[in-house]
Protein backbone atom coordinates (compact mmCIF):
# COMPACT_ATOMS: atom_id res chain seq x y z
CA VAL A 1 3.26 2.72 -11.85
CA THR A 2 6.79 3.33 -13.71
CA GLU A 3 8.90 0.90 -11.85
CA ASN A 4 9.32 -2.83 -13.20
CA ARG A 5 8.36 -6.03 -11.56
CA SER A 6 11.65 -6.45 -10.17
CA ASP A 7 11.22 -3.00 -8.62
CA LEU A 8 8.11 -3.78 -7.38
CA GLU A 9 9.60 -7.42 -5.56
CA ASP A 10 12.19 -5.42 -4.11
CA LEU A 11 9.77 -3.00 -2.32
CA HIS A 12 8.34 -6.23 -0.87
CA LEU A 13 11.32 -6.96 1.18
CA TYR A 14 10.87 -3.90 2.80
CA ALA A 15 7.06 -3.92 3.64
CA THR A 16 5.62 -5.57 6.43
CA PRO A 17 2.91 -8.35 5.82
CA ARG A 18 -0.04 -5.38 6.10
CA GLU A 19 1.56 -3.75 3.71
CA GLN A 20 2.53 -6.48 1.80
CA ARG A 21 -1.43 -7.66 1.07
CA PHE A 22 -2.54 -3.61 0.85
CA ARG A 23 0.30 -3.63 -1.91
CA ARG A 24 -0.97 -6.50 -3.49
CA PHE A 25 -5.22 -5.72 -3.17
CA ALA A 26 -4.63 -1.78 -4.63
CA SER A 27 -5.63 -1.52 -7.89
CA LEU A 28 -5.43 2.61 -8.14
CA GLU A 29 -2.70 5.11 -7.91
CA PHE A 30 -3.02 9.05 -7.13
CA GLU A 31 0.26 10.81 -7.37
CA GLY A 32 2.37 8.18 -6.25
CA GLN A 33 0.12 7.10 -3.84
CA LEU A 34 -1.71 3.47 -3.84
CA TYR A 35 -5.38 3.16 -2.71
CA MET A 36 -7.80 0.08 -3.01
CA THR A 37 -11.31 0.72 -4.10
CA PRO A 38 -14.40 -1.05 -1.77
CA TYR A 39 -14.01 -3.91 -3.94
CA ASP A 40 -10.47 -4.25 -3.23
CA PHE A 41 -10.63 -3.89 0.73
CA ILE A 42 -13.62 -6.43 0.56
CA GLN A 43 -11.39 -8.78 -1.30
CA ALA A 44 -8.41 -8.25 1.01
CA VAL A 45 -10.47 -9.55 4.16
CA THR A 46 -12.43 -12.06 2.34
CA SER A 47 -9.90 -13.60 -0.11
CA ASP A 48 -6.33 -15.38 -0.43
CA GLU A 49 -5.68 -13.33 -3.70
CA PRO A 50 -6.74 -10.54 -5.34
CA LYS A 51 -9.09 -12.09 -7.88
CA ARG A 52 -8.48 -9.05 -10.61
CA LYS A 53 -5.26 -9.87 -12.73
CA GLN A 54 -2.93 -6.77 -11.84
CA GLU A 55 0.30 -6.90 -13.93
CA PHE A 56 2.12 -4.28 -11.73
CA TYR A 57 -0.44 -2.70 -9.49
CA ILE A 58 -2.67 -0.44 -11.11
CA ASP A 59 -5.61 1.87 -12.89
CA LYS A 60 -4.15 5.46 -12.71
CA ILE A 61 -6.09 8.42 -11.76
CA ALA A 62 -4.77 10.23 -15.16
CA ARG A 63 -2.72 13.12 -13.76
CA GLU A 64 -4.39 15.42 -16.68
CA ASN A 65 -7.58 15.86 -14.68
CA ALA A 66 -6.83 13.99 -11.79
CA SER A 67 -9.25 16.15 -9.03
CA GLY A 68 -11.91 16.03 -11.57
CA GLU A 69 -11.92 11.94 -12.07
CA LEU A 70 -10.89 11.66 -8.04
CA ASN A 71 -13.77 13.47 -7.25
CA GLN A 72 -16.52 11.51 -9.88
CA ILE A 73 -15.13 8.05 -8.36
CA LEU A 74 -16.51 9.84 -4.63
CA MET A 75 -19.97 11.26 -6.04
CA GLU A 76 -21.76 8.14 -5.14
CA THR A 77 -20.57 8.03 -1.51
CA PRO A 78 -23.17 8.19 0.43
CA PRO A 79 -23.57 10.59 3.58
CA VAL A 80 -22.91 8.55 6.93
CA TRP A 81 -26.39 8.61 8.11
CA LYS A 82 -27.34 6.59 4.84
CA GLY A 83 -24.64 3.83 5.65
CA SER A 84 -25.96 0.52 5.02
CA SER A 85 -24.06 -3.14 5.86
CA LYS A 86 -23.90 -2.95 1.92
CA LEU A 87 -22.07 -0.12 1.64
CA PHE A 88 -18.88 -1.33 0.23
CA ARG A 89 -20.25 -3.47 -2.04
CA ASN A 90 -22.63 -0.97 -3.65
CA LEU A 91 -19.83 1.45 -4.21
CA ASN A 92 -18.07 -1.74 -5.65
CA GLU A 93 -15.09 0.36 -7.62
CA LYS A 94 -16.54 3.68 -6.75
CA GLY A 95 -14.28 4.73 -4.07
CA VAL A 96 -11.00 5.16 -2.89
CA ILE A 97 -9.97 3.57 0.51
CA SER A 98 -5.79 4.80 2.02
CA TYR A 99 -3.52 2.38 3.71
CA THR A 100 -3.98 3.91 7.10
CA GLU A 101 -7.91 4.05 6.70
CA TYR A 102 -7.52 0.03 5.73
CA LEU A 103 -5.63 -0.08 9.08
CA PHE A 104 -8.59 1.25 10.50
CA LEU A 105 -11.18 -0.56 9.10
CA LEU A 106 -9.17 -3.82 10.01
CA CYS A 107 -9.61 -2.64 13.59
CA ILE A 108 -12.75 -2.20 13.47
CA LEU A 109 -13.39 -5.98 12.26
CA THR A 110 -12.01 -6.78 15.70
CA LYS A 111 -13.76 -5.04 18.15
CA PRO A 112 -16.67 -6.17 20.16
CA HIS A 113 -19.80 -3.66 20.28
CA ALA A 114 -18.64 -2.55 23.85
CA GLY A 115 -15.27 -1.22 22.58
CA PHE A 116 -17.05 1.07 19.76
CA ARG A 117 -17.68 4.08 22.48
CA ILE A 118 -13.94 3.60 23.13
CA ALA A 119 -12.48 3.66 19.77
CA PHE A 120 -15.12 7.01 19.52
CA ASN A 121 -13.69 8.35 22.50
CA MET A 122 -10.46 7.63 21.22
CA PHE A 123 -11.29 10.24 18.23
CA ASP A 124 -12.98 12.58 20.30
CA THR A 125 -10.05 14.45 21.56
CA ASP A 126 -11.89 17.65 22.48
CA GLY A 127 -14.83 15.52 24.60
CA ASN A 128 -17.67 17.92 22.59
CA GLU A 129 -19.28 14.26 21.70
CA MET A 130 -18.77 14.38 17.99
CA VAL A 131 -15.33 14.05 15.69
CA ASP A 132 -14.61 16.19 13.20
CA LYS A 133 -12.63 15.73 10.36
CA LYS A 134 -9.56 17.07 12.15
CA GLU A 135 -9.77 14.73 14.67
CA PHE A 136 -10.01 12.11 12.56
CA LEU A 137 -7.35 12.69 10.57
CA VAL A 138 -5.00 12.56 14.21
CA LEU A 139 -5.31 8.75 12.64
CA GLN A 140 -2.76 9.20 9.33
CA GLU A 141 -0.30 10.33 11.81
CA ILE A 142 -0.33 7.71 14.39
CA PHE A 143 -0.47 4.84 11.53
CA ARG A 144 2.66 6.75 10.49
CA LYS A 145 4.18 6.81 13.27
CA LYS A 146 3.92 3.39 14.09
CA ASN A 147 5.11 2.56 10.59
CA GLU A 148 8.32 4.56 10.97
CA LYS A 149 9.54 3.04 14.12
CA ARG A 150 9.48 -0.58 12.24
CA GLU A 151 11.01 0.80 9.37
CA ARG A 152 14.49 -1.77 8.91
CA LYS A 153 17.63 -0.10 8.07
CA GLY A 154 18.14 -0.47 3.93
CA ASP A 155 17.78 0.91 0.57
CA GLU A 156 16.76 4.89 1.79
CA GLU A 157 15.33 4.83 -1.42
CA LYS A 158 13.04 2.01 -1.45
CA ARG A 159 11.89 3.00 1.55
CA ALA A 160 11.25 6.53 0.42
CA MET A 161 9.54 4.78 -2.33
CA LEU A 162 7.56 2.04 -0.29
CA ARG A 163 6.43 5.92 2.10
CA LEU A 164 5.22 7.23 -1.04
CA GLN A 165 3.38 4.20 -2.45
CA LEU A 166 1.60 3.82 1.36
CA TYR A 167 1.82 7.32 2.81
CA GLY A 168 1.98 9.63 -0.34
CA TYR A 169 5.14 11.68 1.20
CA HIS A 170 8.72 11.42 0.75
CA THR A 171 10.14 12.67 3.90
CA SER A 172 13.06 10.98 5.29
CA THR A 173 12.95 9.00 8.86
CA ASN A 174 16.43 8.67 9.60
CA SER A 175 15.84 9.55 12.99
CA VAL A 176 13.23 6.97 13.93
CA VAL A 177 14.84 4.19 11.86
CA LYS A 178 15.54 1.12 13.71
CA THR A 179 19.02 0.40 14.18
CA GLU A 180 20.90 -3.11 14.76
CA GLY A 181 20.79 -4.79 17.81
CA GLU A 182 17.54 -2.85 18.62
CA ASP A 183 14.39 -4.69 19.67
CA LEU A 184 10.86 -2.85 19.57
CA VAL A 185 8.43 -4.26 21.75
CA PRO A 186 5.14 -5.54 18.99
CA ARG A 187 1.87 -3.72 19.61
CA SER A 188 -0.99 -3.81 17.55
CA TYR A 189 -2.56 -0.99 15.56
CA TRP A 190 -5.49 -0.56 17.92
CA ASP A 191 -3.39 -0.21 21.32
CA THR A 192 -1.24 2.79 19.02
CA LEU A 193 -4.29 4.00 18.96
CA ARG A 194 -5.64 4.01 22.35
CA ARG A 195 -2.48 5.20 23.21
CA SER A 196 -2.22 7.64 20.66
CA THR A 197 -5.13 9.72 20.53
CA SER A 198 -5.59 10.32 24.15
CA GLN A 199 -2.94 12.61 23.82
CA ALA A 200 -3.14 14.20 20.59
CA LEU A 201 -4.24 17.23 21.48
CA PHE A 202 -0.65 17.50 24.08
CA SER A 203 1.81 16.76 20.79
CA ASP A 204 2.44 17.77 17.32
CA LEU A 205 0.02 15.24 15.80
CA ALA A 206 -3.14 17.91 16.08
CA GLU A 207 -0.83 20.17 14.58
CA ARG A 208 0.32 17.93 11.90
CA ALA A 209 -3.38 17.33 11.14
CA ASP A 210 -3.64 20.58 10.35
CA ASP A 211 -1.50 20.41 7.48
CA ILE A 212 -2.69 17.14 6.23
CA SER A 213 -6.13 18.78 6.16
CA SER A 214 -4.99 21.20 3.44
CA SER A 215 -3.17 18.55 1.41
CA LEU A 216 -4.57 15.32 1.50
CA SER A 217 -6.80 13.94 -1.14
CA ASP A 218 -10.38 13.20 -0.10
CA THR A 219 -11.19 9.39 0.27
CA THR A 220 -14.40 7.64 0.67
CA LEU A 221 -14.67 7.33 4.60
CA LEU A 222 -13.43 11.37 4.89
CA VAL A 223 -16.27 12.06 2.35
CA HIS A 224 -18.77 9.67 3.90
CA PHE A 225 -18.19 10.76 7.33
CA PHE A 226 -17.63 14.56 6.98
CA GLY A 227 -19.48 15.20 3.72
CA LYS A 228 -18.21 16.50 0.75
CA LYS A 229 -17.07 19.73 1.61
CA GLY A 230 -15.30 18.21 5.15
CA LYS A 231 -17.58 20.16 7.54
CA ALA A 232 -19.67 17.79 9.22
CA GLU A 233 -18.68 16.30 11.90
CA LEU A 234 -19.76 12.59 13.38
CA ASN A 235 -22.28 11.53 16.54
CA PHE A 236 -21.62 8.37 18.11
CA GLU A 237 -24.77 6.63 16.80
CA ASP A 238 -23.64 7.12 13.15
CA PHE A 239 -20.16 6.12 13.73
CA TYR A 240 -21.45 2.82 15.95
CA ARG A 241 -23.81 2.20 12.95
CA PHE A 242 -20.98 2.47 10.53
CA MET A 243 -18.75 -0.28 12.73
CA ASP A 244 -21.40 -2.65 13.32
CA ASN A 245 -22.58 -2.28 9.42
CA LEU A 246 -19.35 -3.23 8.89
CA GLN A 247 -18.70 -6.07 10.64
CA THR A 248 -22.31 -7.12 9.35
CA GLU A 249 -21.23 -7.03 5.48
CA VAL A 250 -17.79 -8.66 5.82
CA LEU A 251 -19.45 -11.91 7.81
CA GLU A 252 -22.68 -11.93 5.40
CA ILE A 253 -20.00 -11.65 2.15
CA GLU A 254 -17.88 -14.94 4.05
CA PHE A 255 -21.31 -16.61 4.74
CA LEU A 256 -22.82 -15.88 1.53
CA SER A 257 -19.73 -17.30 -0.30
CA TYR A 258 -20.42 -20.98 1.28
CA SER A 259 -24.02 -20.65 1.19
CA ASN A 260 -25.13 -21.30 -2.19
CA GLY A 261 -27.95 -19.46 -2.05
CA MET A 262 -29.48 -21.05 0.93
CA ASN A 263 -30.40 -19.96 4.87
CA THR A 264 -27.45 -22.38 6.10
CA ILE A 265 -23.74 -23.47 5.39
CA SER A 266 -22.29 -26.69 6.19
CA GLU A 267 -20.92 -27.43 9.66
CA GLU A 268 -17.85 -28.64 7.39
CA ASP A 269 -17.93 -25.01 5.57
CA PHE A 270 -17.63 -23.37 9.02
CA ALA A 271 -14.77 -25.41 9.85
CA HIS A 272 -12.93 -24.53 6.63
CA ILE A 273 -13.96 -20.38 7.56
CA LEU A 274 -12.82 -21.03 11.28
CA LEU A 275 -9.22 -22.32 10.12
CA ARG A 276 -8.64 -20.34 6.85
CA TYR A 277 -6.04 -17.37 8.11
CA THR A 278 -5.20 -19.34 10.64
CA ASN A 279 -0.94 -21.39 11.57
CA VAL A 280 -2.35 -24.24 11.44
CA GLU A 281 -0.87 -25.76 8.43
CA ASN A 282 -2.96 -29.30 8.05
CA THR A 283 -6.81 -28.86 7.70
CA SER A 284 -7.69 -32.16 6.82
CA SER A 285 -7.33 -34.18 10.37
CA TYR A 286 -10.18 -31.46 12.23
CA LEU A 287 -12.74 -31.64 9.17
CA GLU A 288 -12.22 -35.54 9.07
CA ASN A 289 -12.88 -35.27 12.60
CA LEU A 290 -16.01 -33.19 12.00
CA ARG A 291 -17.40 -35.58 9.20
CA CYS A 292 -16.99 -38.86 11.56
CA THR A 293 -18.89 -36.89 14.58
CA ILE A 294 -21.66 -35.17 12.75
CA PRO A 295 -22.29 -37.57 10.06
CA GLU A 296 -26.12 -35.54 9.51
CA GLU A 297 -25.81 -32.41 8.30
CA LYS A 298 -28.15 -30.13 10.03
CA GLY A 299 -26.13 -26.47 9.04
CA ILE A 300 -25.32 -23.45 10.40
CA THR A 301 -27.89 -20.32 9.89
CA PHE A 302 -26.57 -17.04 9.84
CA ASP A 303 -27.24 -15.69 12.98
CA GLU A 304 -25.48 -18.50 14.57
CA PHE A 305 -22.58 -17.55 12.31
CA ARG A 306 -22.84 -14.15 13.14
CA SER A 307 -23.10 -15.09 16.97
CA PHE A 308 -20.01 -16.76 17.20
CA PHE A 309 -17.97 -14.06 15.10
CA GLN A 310 -19.08 -11.25 17.74
CA PHE A 311 -18.32 -13.66 20.49
CA LEU A 312 -14.62 -14.07 18.71
CA ASN A 313 -14.43 -9.82 19.02
CA ASN A 314 -14.89 -10.37 22.57
CA LEU A 315 -12.52 -13.14 22.90
CA GLU A 316 -9.74 -11.26 25.28
CA ASP A 317 -12.65 -11.24 28.49
CA PHE A 318 -13.50 -15.19 27.52
CA THR A 319 -10.31 -15.95 28.28
CA ILE A 320 -10.11 -13.70 31.28
CA ALA A 321 -13.32 -15.45 32.71
CA MET A 322 -11.75 -19.01 31.98
CA GLN A 323 -8.66 -18.18 33.68
CA MET A 324 -11.06 -17.23 37.01
CA TYR A 325 -13.03 -20.15 36.42
CA ASN A 326 -9.31 -21.92 37.56
CA PHE A 327 -9.53 -24.29 33.82
CA ALA A 328 -6.21 -22.68 32.90
CA SER A 329 -4.88 -26.24 33.48
CA ARG A 330 -7.86 -28.55 32.41
CA SER A 331 -10.73 -28.82 29.79
CA ILE A 332 -14.26 -27.91 29.81
CA GLY A 333 -16.86 -29.34 28.53
CA GLN A 334 -19.85 -27.68 26.24
CA ASP A 335 -22.18 -26.54 28.94
CA GLU A 336 -19.47 -25.19 30.75
CA PHE A 337 -18.01 -23.21 27.32
CA LYS A 338 -21.24 -21.98 26.33
CA ARG A 339 -21.78 -20.85 30.13
CA ALA A 340 -18.43 -19.25 30.10
CA VAL A 341 -19.07 -17.25 26.23
CA TYR A 342 -22.55 -15.39 27.72
CA VAL A 343 -21.06 -14.60 31.19
CA ALA A 344 -18.00 -12.95 29.66
CA THR A 345 -19.30 -11.56 26.08
CA GLY A 346 -22.92 -11.85 26.92
CA VAL A 347 -23.58 -13.91 23.33
CA LYS A 348 -25.55 -16.79 23.54
CA LEU A 349 -24.08 -19.48 21.67
CA SER A 350 -26.58 -22.06 20.05
CA PRO A 351 -25.94 -25.68 21.27
CA HIS A 352 -25.97 -26.66 17.77
CA LEU A 353 -22.98 -24.33 17.41
CA VAL A 354 -21.29 -25.37 20.52
CA ASN A 355 -21.61 -28.72 19.53
CA THR A 356 -20.07 -28.07 16.00
CA VAL A 357 -16.98 -26.14 17.64
CA PHE A 358 -16.29 -28.84 19.85
CA LYS A 359 -16.25 -31.49 17.23
CA ILE A 360 -14.05 -29.24 14.99
CA PHE A 361 -11.63 -29.07 17.92
CA ASP A 362 -11.91 -32.07 20.07
CA VAL A 363 -9.24 -34.15 18.38
CA ASP A 364 -9.02 -36.86 20.76
CA ARG A 365 -13.35 -37.05 21.13
CA ASP A 366 -13.63 -37.23 24.68
CA ASP A 367 -16.33 -34.30 24.61
CA GLN A 368 -13.78 -32.10 26.36
CA LEU A 369 -11.99 -29.02 24.73
CA SER A 370 -8.68 -27.59 25.87
CA TYR A 371 -9.53 -23.74 26.17
CA LYS A 372 -6.06 -22.50 25.27
CA GLU A 373 -5.12 -24.52 22.25
CA PHE A 374 -8.62 -23.01 21.05
CA ILE A 375 -7.90 -19.62 22.40
CA GLY A 376 -4.15 -19.86 20.01
CA ILE A 377 -5.97 -20.83 16.68
CA MET A 378 -8.91 -18.11 17.44
CA LYS A 379 -6.79 -15.32 17.87
CA ASP A 380 -5.48 -16.03 14.82
CA ARG A 381 -8.46 -16.49 13.13
CA LEU A 382 -9.48 -13.26 14.59
CA ASN A 383 -6.59 -10.84 13.38
CA ARG A 384 -7.04 -12.72 9.64
CA GLY A 385 -3.35 -14.14 10.45
CA PHE A 386 -1.61 -10.93 11.07
CA ARG A 387 -0.82 -11.22 15.05
CA GLY A 388 2.53 -9.33 14.60
CA TYR A 389 5.31 -8.81 12.35
CA LYS A 390 7.41 -11.24 12.51
CA PRO A 391 7.36 -13.99 9.52
CA VAL A 392 4.37 -16.33 9.49
CA GLN A 393 5.18 -19.78 11.17
CA ARG A 394 3.36 -22.60 10.18
CA TYR A 395 2.45 -25.59 12.93
CA THR A 396 1.14 -28.88 12.92
CA THR A 397 -0.68 -29.19 15.45
CA PHE A 398 -2.52 -27.66 18.25
CA LYS A 399 -0.08 -27.86 20.84
CA SER A 400 3.09 -27.01 18.78
CA CYS A 401 0.73 -23.71 18.15
CA VAL A 402 0.33 -23.25 22.26
CA ARG A 403 3.69 -23.41 23.34
CA LYS A 404 5.07 -21.32 19.84
CA GLU A 405 2.28 -18.53 21.52
CA LEU A 406 2.92 -19.37 25.20
CA TYR A 407 6.82 -18.91 24.00
CA SER A 408 6.44 -15.55 22.97
CA ARG A 409 4.77 -13.53 25.40
């Protein structure tokens, strides 16, 4: 990268939190565009900072043999039917992931299994039960357009440099740049994807995808889904397996980072994992509460760990169920909580897991849980700290966290 450090820090000011994180973890550059390796992606969703030391960023793919070097990197990418829950770990540095694919993978990590069919149907714009490369590339245009709408007024040269790094293009976006006083309604990338792909055949998105397909460099996901020639098609079974494997892989990595080769992690380690990426600043009181109320360690198994995060991916349905149960204005006990989780999500949480969750969040130790406070914090954990595009504000108590959440709606 030719920019000096001050230039790079300058660009950071024009980037959203997700863009900043991608830029911080990406370790490859090809023709000016930044890419993550599979290893970088895993680090980005499981670590606070990159483990490798990067001076400015990046290992450049040599310009003299760019295509050959990129193809060499992608050689080890298996076809989708050979995918597994160790795909990213096995590929390690042998792969490239673009910024829009990074956003897509983040969407997958927060979706319930019931939403996998919806995701597939969003891409299957012609309704033939198969997704081809062109349909998938609509994703690139949707997220690019969303990014343009979020750009703010400022140095056009800096914004152009940022667009090149993230999307690989230089075109001006003056027509959609946010102006002073104009307010944009926050919308998640999943909502953007859901709203936009259904209209893809009736807009310029599909036509633009044709142009992209002919000029875009192959990536690990494109080769994995559509083969080295880009002619294969993706069916729902393979798509579902990929999404399930990705969720499992990230959970395995987080679990193994605390288990030290054992079959369980401690209840305190489970609390650490739940509270990371949230806006709770002072976690020591919750950990101390857990130590006092569960003095003898029993441990949390991976099945229990995974079932809890499957529940979190169904958090919206759980919230609706709790409102229907008329618990909105009062706390709930463990049996009520466990039953509501099962009714809303179909996930059965073990009694020990539910008890552990209560001991973490039951600050006044009355064996009751304010579900609004619990949901306010778990939404942050579910989305790994990225709940909007405004600067993250830190909350020191459950109540202030909930008040802020309610007022922002």
